[in-house]
């Protein structure tokens, strides 16, 4: 097989893949992504810090809900 044929086959394979274009969001039906998880964690930690400073142990003991 010639190098040109291999290159053409590789190029065709790349064009025909179902991968999203650069910059397009990937649709994921498995749940929240990393950004959502990190934002929820940051908000929870901020709440814990504020509750600890205020010595509000009832607020600090509440669980993070999704």
PDB file of N, CA and C in Angstrom:
ATOM      1  N   UNK A   1       0.843  -1.165   0.000  1.00  0.00           N
ATOM      2  CA  UNK A   1       0.000   0.000   0.000  1.00  0.00           C
ATOM      3  C   UNK A   1       0.896   1.238   0.000  1.00  0.00           C
ATOM      4  N   UNK A   2       0.554   2.204  -0.821  1.00  0.00           N
ATOM      5  CA  UNK A   2       1.402   3.394  -0.929  1.00  0.00           C
ATOM      6  C   UNK A   2       1.118   4.367   0.212  1.00  0.00           C
ATOM      7  N   UNK A   3       2.057   5.273   0.427  1.00  0.00           N
ATOM      8  CA  UNK A   3       1.914   6.279   1.482  1.00  0.00           C
ATOM      9  C   UNK A   3       0.721   7.192   1.208  1.00  0.00           C
ATOM     10  N   UNK A   4       0.465   7.469  -0.051  1.00  0.00           N
ATOM     11  CA  UNK A   4      -0.659   8.338  -0.416  1.00  0.00           C
ATOM     12  C   UNK A   4      -1.982   7.684  -0.052  1.00  0.00           C
ATOM     13  N   UNK A   5      -2.103   6.382  -0.295  1.00  0.00           N
ATOM     14  CA  UNK A   5      -3.329   5.661   0.030  1.00  0.00           C
ATOM     15  C   UNK A   5      -3.554   5.631   1.535  1.00  0.00           C
ATOM     16  N   UNK A   6      -2.494   5.408   2.287  1.00  0.00           N
ATOM     17  CA  UNK A   6      -2.585   5.380   3.754  1.00  0.00           C
ATOM     18  C   UNK A   6      -2.988   6.759   4.278  1.00  0.00           C
ATOM     19  N   UNK A   7      -2.387   7.801   3.742  1.00  0.00           N
ATOM     20  CA  UNK A   7      -2.709   9.161   4.168  1.00  0.00           C
ATOM     21  C   UNK A   7      -4.156   9.512   3.839  1.00  0.00           C
ATOM     22  N   UNK A   8      -4.608   9.111   2.664  1.00  0.00           N
ATOM     23  CA  UNK A   8      -5.992   9.380   2.265  1.00  0.00           C
ATOM     24  C   UNK A   8      -6.973   8.629   3.169  1.00  0.00           C
ATOM     25  N   UNK A   9      -6.674   7.381   3.500  1.00  0.00           N
ATOM     26  CA  UNK A   9      -7.536   6.593   4.374  1.00  0.00           C
ATOM     27  C   UNK A   9      -7.582   7.191   5.779  1.00  0.00           C
ATOM     28  N   UNK A  10      -6.445   7.637   6.275  1.00  0.00           N
ATOM     29  CA  UNK A  10      -6.395   8.252   7.600  1.00  0.00           C
ATOM     30  C   UNK A  10      -7.181   9.564   7.612  1.00  0.00           C
ATOM     31  N   UNK A  11      -7.036  10.356   6.575  1.00  0.00           N
ATOM     32  CA  UNK A  11      -7.778  11.616   6.481  1.00  0.00           C
ATOM     33  C   UNK A  11      -9.273  11.385   6.413  1.00  0.00           C
ATOM     34  N   UNK A  12      -9.695  10.391   5.658  1.00  0.00           N
ATOM     35  CA  UNK A  12     -11.101  10.060   5.554  1.00  0.00           C
ATOM     36  C   UNK A  12     -11.646   9.574   6.895  1.00  0.00           C
ATOM     37  N   UNK A  13     -10.880   8.784   7.599  1.00  0.00           N
ATOM     38  CA  UNK A  13     -11.303   8.285   8.910  1.00  0.00           C
ATOM     39  C   UNK A  13     -11.491   9.431   9.892  1.00  0.00           C
ATOM     40  N   UNK A  14     -10.614  10.418   9.844  1.00  0.00           N
ATOM     41  CA  UNK A  14     -10.716  11.572  10.742  1.00  0.00           C
ATOM     42  C   UNK A  14     -11.966  12.378  10.417  1.00  0.00           C
ATOM     43  N   UNK A  15     -12.239  12.583   9.148  1.00  0.00           N
ATOM     44  CA  UNK A  15     -13.393  13.374   8.727  1.00  0.00           C
ATOM     45  C   UNK A  15     -14.704  12.688   9.097  1.00  0.00           C
ATOM     46  N   UNK A  16     -14.747  11.380   9.027  1.00  0.00           N
ATOM     47  CA  UNK A  16     -15.989  10.650   9.238  1.00  0.00           C
ATOM     48  C   UNK A  16     -16.272  10.294  10.697  1.00  0.00           C
ATOM     49  N   UNK A  17     -15.405  10.646  11.621  1.00  0.00           N
ATOM     50  CA  UNK A  17     -15.650  10.317  13.022  1.00  0.00           C
ATOM     51  C   UNK A  17     -16.781  11.165  13.572  1.00  0.00           C
ATOM     52  N   UNK A  18     -17.383  10.710  14.658  1.00  0.00           N
ATOM     53  CA  UNK A  18     -18.500  11.414  15.287  1.00  0.00           C
ATOM     54  C   UNK A  18     -18.041  12.366  16.383  1.00  0.00           C
ATOM     55  N   UNK A  19     -16.780  12.644  16.476  1.00  0.00           N
ATOM     56  CA  UNK A  19     -16.263  13.530  17.519  1.00  0.00           C
ATOM     57  C   UNK A  19     -16.767  14.950  17.297  1.00  0.00           C
ATOM     58  N   UNK A  20     -17.064  15.664  18.389  1.00  0.00           N
ATOM     59  CA  UNK A  20     -17.531  17.048  18.244  1.00  0.00           C
ATOM     60  C   UNK A  20     -16.403  17.949  17.752  1.00  0.00           C
ATOM     61  N   UNK A  21     -16.779  19.029  17.095  1.00  0.00           N
ATOM     62  CA  UNK A  21     -15.792  19.993  16.609  1.00  0.00           C
ATOM     63  C   UNK A  21     -15.177  20.725  17.792  1.00  0.00           C
ATOM     64  N   UNK A  22     -14.024  21.311  17.580  1.00  0.00           N
ATOM     65  CA  UNK A  22     -13.348  22.062  18.631  1.00  0.00           C
ATOM     66  C   UNK A  22     -14.252  23.205  19.066  1.00  0.00           C
ATOM     67  N   UNK A  23     -14.447  23.339  20.369  1.00  0.00           N
ATOM     68  CA  UNK A  23     -15.277  24.410  20.901  1.00  0.00           C
ATOM     69  C   UNK A  23     -16.718  24.018  21.142  1.00  0.00           C
ATOM     70  N   UNK A  24     -17.163  22.874  20.618  1.00  0.00           N
ATOM     71  CA  UNK A  24     -18.531  22.435  20.857  1.00  0.00           C
ATOM     72  C   UNK A  24     -18.612  21.700  22.186  1.00  0.00           C
ATOM     73  N   UNK A  25     -19.713  21.874  22.859  1.00  0.00           N
ATOM     74  CA  UNK A  25     -19.918  21.192  24.133  1.00  0.00           C
ATOM     75  C   UNK A  25     -20.199  19.713  23.882  1.00  0.00           C
ATOM     76  N   UNK A  26     -19.669  18.877  24.729  1.00  0.00           N
ATOM     77  CA  UNK A  26     -19.911  17.447  24.639  1.00  0.00           C
ATOM     78  C   UNK A  26     -21.148  17.140  25.464  1.00  0.00           C
ATOM     79  N   UNK A  27     -22.129  16.479  24.860  1.00  0.00           N
ATOM     80  CA  UNK A  27     -23.353  16.137  25.567  1.00  0.00           C
ATOM     81  C   UNK A  27     -23.088  14.883  26.384  1.00  0.00           C
ATOM     82  N   UNK A  28     -23.322  14.998  27.691  1.00  0.00           N
ATOM     83  CA  UNK A  28     -23.060  13.889  28.597  1.00  0.00           C
ATOM     84  C   UNK A  28     -24.310  13.628  29.413  1.00  0.00           C
ATOM     85  N   UNK A  29     -24.842  12.445  29.323  1.00  0.00           N
ATOM     86  CA  UNK A  29     -26.059  12.111  30.053  1.00  0.00           C
ATOM     87  C   UNK A  29     -25.753  11.389  31.363  1.00  0.00           C
ATOM     88  N   UNK A  30     -24.506  11.402  31.787  1.00  0.00           N
ATOM     89  CA  UNK A  30     -24.117  10.666  32.992  1.00  0.00           C
ATOM     90  C   UNK A  30     -24.220  11.490  34.254  1.00  0.00           C
ATOM     91  N   UNK A  31     -24.457  12.765  34.164  1.00  0.00           N
ATOM     92  CA  UNK A  31     -24.578  13.588  35.359  1.00  0.00           C
ATOM     93  C   UNK A  31     -23.775  14.871  35.210  1.00  0.00           C
ATOM     94  N   UNK A  32     -23.582  15.560  36.328  1.00  0.00           N
ATOM     95  CA  UNK A  32     -22.888  16.847  36.269  1.00  0.00           C
ATOM     96  C   UNK A  32     -21.420  16.675  35.880  1.00  0.00           C
ATOM     97  N   UNK A  33     -20.895  17.690  35.246  1.00  0.00           N
ATOM     98  CA  UNK A  33     -19.502  17.655  34.851  1.00  0.00           C
ATOM     99  C   UNK A  33     -18.586  18.163  35.944  1.00  0.00           C
ATOM    100  N   UNK A  34     -17.336  18.313  35.614  1.00  0.00           N
ATOM    101  CA  UNK A  34     -16.336  18.739  36.584  1.00  0.00           C
ATOM    102  C   UNK A  34     -16.624  20.139  37.102  1.00  0.00           C
ATOM    103  N   UNK A  35     -17.043  21.045  36.229  1.00  0.00           N
ATOM    104  CA  UNK A  35     -17.299  22.429  36.651  1.00  0.00           C
ATOM    105  C   UNK A  35     -18.413  22.470  37.686  1.00  0.00           C
ATOM    106  N   UNK A  36     -19.501  21.768  37.432  1.00  0.00           N
ATOM    107  CA  UNK A  36     -20.618  21.758  38.366  1.00  0.00           C
ATOM    108  C   UNK A  36     -20.210  21.156  39.709  1.00  0.00           C
ATOM    109  N   UNK A  37     -19.446  20.082  39.656  1.00  0.00           N
ATOM    110  CA  UNK A  37     -18.992  19.436  40.888  1.00  0.00           C
ATOM    111  C   UNK A  37     -18.072  20.353  41.684  1.00  0.00           C
ATOM    112  N   UNK A  38     -17.139  21.018  41.012  1.00  0.00           N
ATOM    113  CA  UNK A  38     -16.215  21.914  41.706  1.00  0.00           C
ATOM    114  C   UNK A  38     -16.939  23.125  42.294  1.00  0.00           C
ATOM    115  N   UNK A  39     -17.917  23.672  41.567  1.00  0.00           N
ATOM    116  CA  UNK A  39     -18.669  24.820  42.083  1.00  0.00           C
ATOM    117  C   UNK A  39     -19.481  24.427  43.317  1.00  0.00           C
ATOM    118  N   UNK A  40     -20.095  23.252  43.295  1.00  0.00           N
ATOM    119  CA  UNK A  40     -20.867  22.786  44.456  1.00  0.00           C
ATOM    120  C   UNK A  40     -19.950  22.564  45.650  1.00  0.00           C
ATOM    121  N   UNK A  41     -18.777  21.992  45.407  1.00  0.00           N
ATOM    122  CA  UNK A  41     -17.820  21.747  46.485  1.00  0.00           C
ATOM    123  C   UNK A  41     -17.316  23.066  47.072  1.00  0.00           C
ATOM    124  N   UNK A  42     -17.011  24.028  46.216  1.00  0.00           N
ATOM    125  CA  UNK A  42     -16.531  25.332  46.687  1.00  0.00           C
ATOM    126  C   UNK A  42     -17.605  26.015  47.537  1.00  0.00           C
ATOM    127  N   UNK A  43     -18.843  25.975  47.086  1.00  0.00           N
ATOM    128  CA  UNK A  43     -19.928  26.601  47.835  1.00  0.00           C
ATOM    129  C   UNK A  43     -20.127  25.906  49.185  1.00  0.00           C
ATOM    130  N   UNK A  44     -20.035  24.595  49.207  1.00  0.00           N
ATOM    131  CA  UNK A  44     -20.174  23.833  50.449  1.00  0.00           C
ATOM    132  C   UNK A  44     -19.051  24.170  51.423  1.00  0.00           C
ATOM    133  N   UNK A  45     -17.833  24.256  50.925  1.00  0.00           N
ATOM    134  CA  UNK A  45     -16.703  24.591  51.796  1.00  0.00           C
ATOM    135  C   UNK A  45     -16.816  26.003  52.345  1.00  0.00           C
ATOM    136  N   UNK A  46     -17.298  26.938  51.525  1.00  0.00           N
ATOM    137  CA  UNK A  46     -17.495  28.313  52.002  1.00  0.00           C
ATOM    138  C   UNK A  46     -18.538  28.341  53.111  1.00  0.00           C
ATOM    139  N   UNK A  47     -19.628  27.574  52.929  1.00  0.00           N
ATOM    140  CA  UNK A  47     -20.669  27.506  53.957  1.00  0.00           C
ATOM    141  C   UNK A  47     -20.103  26.921  55.249  1.00  0.00           C
ATOM    142  N   UNK A  48     -19.307  25.876  55.142  1.00  0.00           N
ATOM    143  CA  UNK A  48     -18.707  25.277  56.329  1.00  0.00           C
ATOM    144  C   UNK A  48     -17.782  26.255  57.049  1.00  0.00           C
ATOM    145  N   UNK A  49     -17.001  27.003  56.304  1.00  0.00           N
ATOM    146  CA  UNK A  49     -16.080  27.969  56.907  1.00  0.00           C
ATOM    147  C   UNK A  49     -16.857  29.058  57.644  1.00  0.00           C
ATOM    148  N   UNK A  50     -17.903  29.600  56.978  1.00  0.00           N
ATOM    149  CA  UNK A  50     -18.702  30.646  57.616  1.00  0.00           C
ATOM    150  C   UNK A  50     -19.440  30.118  58.847  1.00  0.00           C
ATOM    151  N   UNK A  51     -19.976  28.913  58.753  1.00  0.00           N
ATOM    152  CA  UNK A  51     -20.675  28.319  59.897  1.00  0.00           C
ATOM    153  C   UNK A  51     -19.704  28.056  61.045  1.00  0.00           C
ATOM    154  N   UNK A  52     -18.507  27.626  60.724  1.00  0.00           N
ATOM    155  CA  UNK A  52     -17.511  27.390  61.774  1.00  0.00           C
ATOM    156  C   UNK A  52     -17.088  28.670  62.457  1.00  0.00           C
ATOM    157  N   UNK A  53     -16.893  29.747  61.680  1.00  0.00           N
ATOM    158  CA  UNK A  53     -16.523  31.030  62.277  1.00  0.00           C
ATOM    159  C   UNK A  53     -17.626  31.573  63.172  1.00  0.00           C
ATOM    160  N   UNK A  54     -18.886  31.334  62.797  1.00  0.00           N
ATOM    161  CA  UNK A  54     -20.021  31.809  63.589  1.00  0.00           C
ATOM    162  C   UNK A  54     -20.384  30.822  64.696  1.00  0.00           C
ATOM    163  N   UNK A  55     -19.669  29.711  64.760  1.00  0.00           N
ATOM    164  CA  UNK A  55     -19.941  28.628  65.704  1.00  0.00           C
ATOM    165  C   UNK A  55     -21.391  28.153  65.608  1.00  0.00           C
ATOM    166  N   UNK A  56     -21.879  28.097  64.353  1.00  0.00           N
ATOM    167  CA  UNK A  56     -23.229  27.620  64.068  1.00  0.00           C
ATOM    168  C   UNK A  56     -23.108  26.154  63.663  1.00  0.00           C
ATOM    169  N   UNK A  57     -23.067  25.278  64.652  1.00  0.00           N
ATOM    170  CA  UNK A  57     -22.794  23.865  64.384  1.00  0.00           C
ATOM    171  C   UNK A  57     -23.972  23.179  63.708  1.00  0.00           C
ATOM    172  N   UNK A  58     -25.173  23.705  63.906  1.00  0.00           N
ATOM    173  CA  UNK A  58     -26.332  23.131  63.217  1.00  0.00           C
ATOM    174  C   UNK A  58     -26.206  23.329  61.709  1.00  0.00           C
ATOM    175  N   UNK A  59     -25.819  24.532  61.274  1.00  0.00           N
ATOM    176  CA  UNK A  59     -25.619  24.799  59.852  1.00  0.00           C
ATOM    177  C   UNK A  59     -24.428  23.996  59.309  1.00  0.00           C
ATOM    178  N   UNK A  60     -23.364  23.914  60.103  1.00  0.00           N
ATOM    179  CA  UNK A  60     -22.171  23.185  59.647  1.00  0.00           C
ATOM    180  C   UNK A  60     -22.447  21.691  59.499  1.00  0.00           C
ATOM    181  N   UNK A  61     -23.415  21.171  60.232  1.00  0.00           N
ATOM    182  CA  UNK A  61     -23.683  19.720  60.181  1.00  0.00           C
ATOM    183  C   UNK A  61     -24.604  19.335  59.035  1.00  0.00           C
ATOM    184  N   UNK A  62     -25.195  20.316  58.329  1.00  0.00           N
ATOM    185  CA  UNK A  62     -26.071  19.960  57.202  1.00  0.00           C
ATOM    186  C   UNK A  62     -25.245  19.382  56.062  1.00  0.00           C
ATOM    187  N   UNK A  63     -25.835  18.427  55.387  1.00  0.00           N
ATOM    188  CA  UNK A  63     -25.130  17.736  54.294  1.00  0.00           C
ATOM    189  C   UNK A  63     -25.315  18.454  52.982  1.00  0.00           C
ATOM    190  N   UNK A  64     -24.354  18.249  52.094  1.00  0.00           N
ATOM    191  CA  UNK A  64     -24.416  18.791  50.742  1.00  0.00           C
ATOM    192  C   UNK A  64     -25.428  17.966  49.954  1.00  0.00           C
ATOM    193  N   UNK A  65     -26.383  18.640  49.309  1.00  0.00           N
ATOM    194  CA  UNK A  65     -27.373  17.931  48.489  1.00  0.00           C
ATOM    195  C   UNK A  65     -27.208  18.346  47.042  1.00  0.00           C
ATOM    196  N   UNK A  66     -27.497  17.439  46.147  1.00  0.00           N
ATOM    197  CA  UNK A  66     -27.361  17.707  44.721  1.00  0.00           C
ATOM    198  C   UNK A  66     -28.666  18.177  44.144  1.00  0.00           C
TER     199      UNK A  66
END
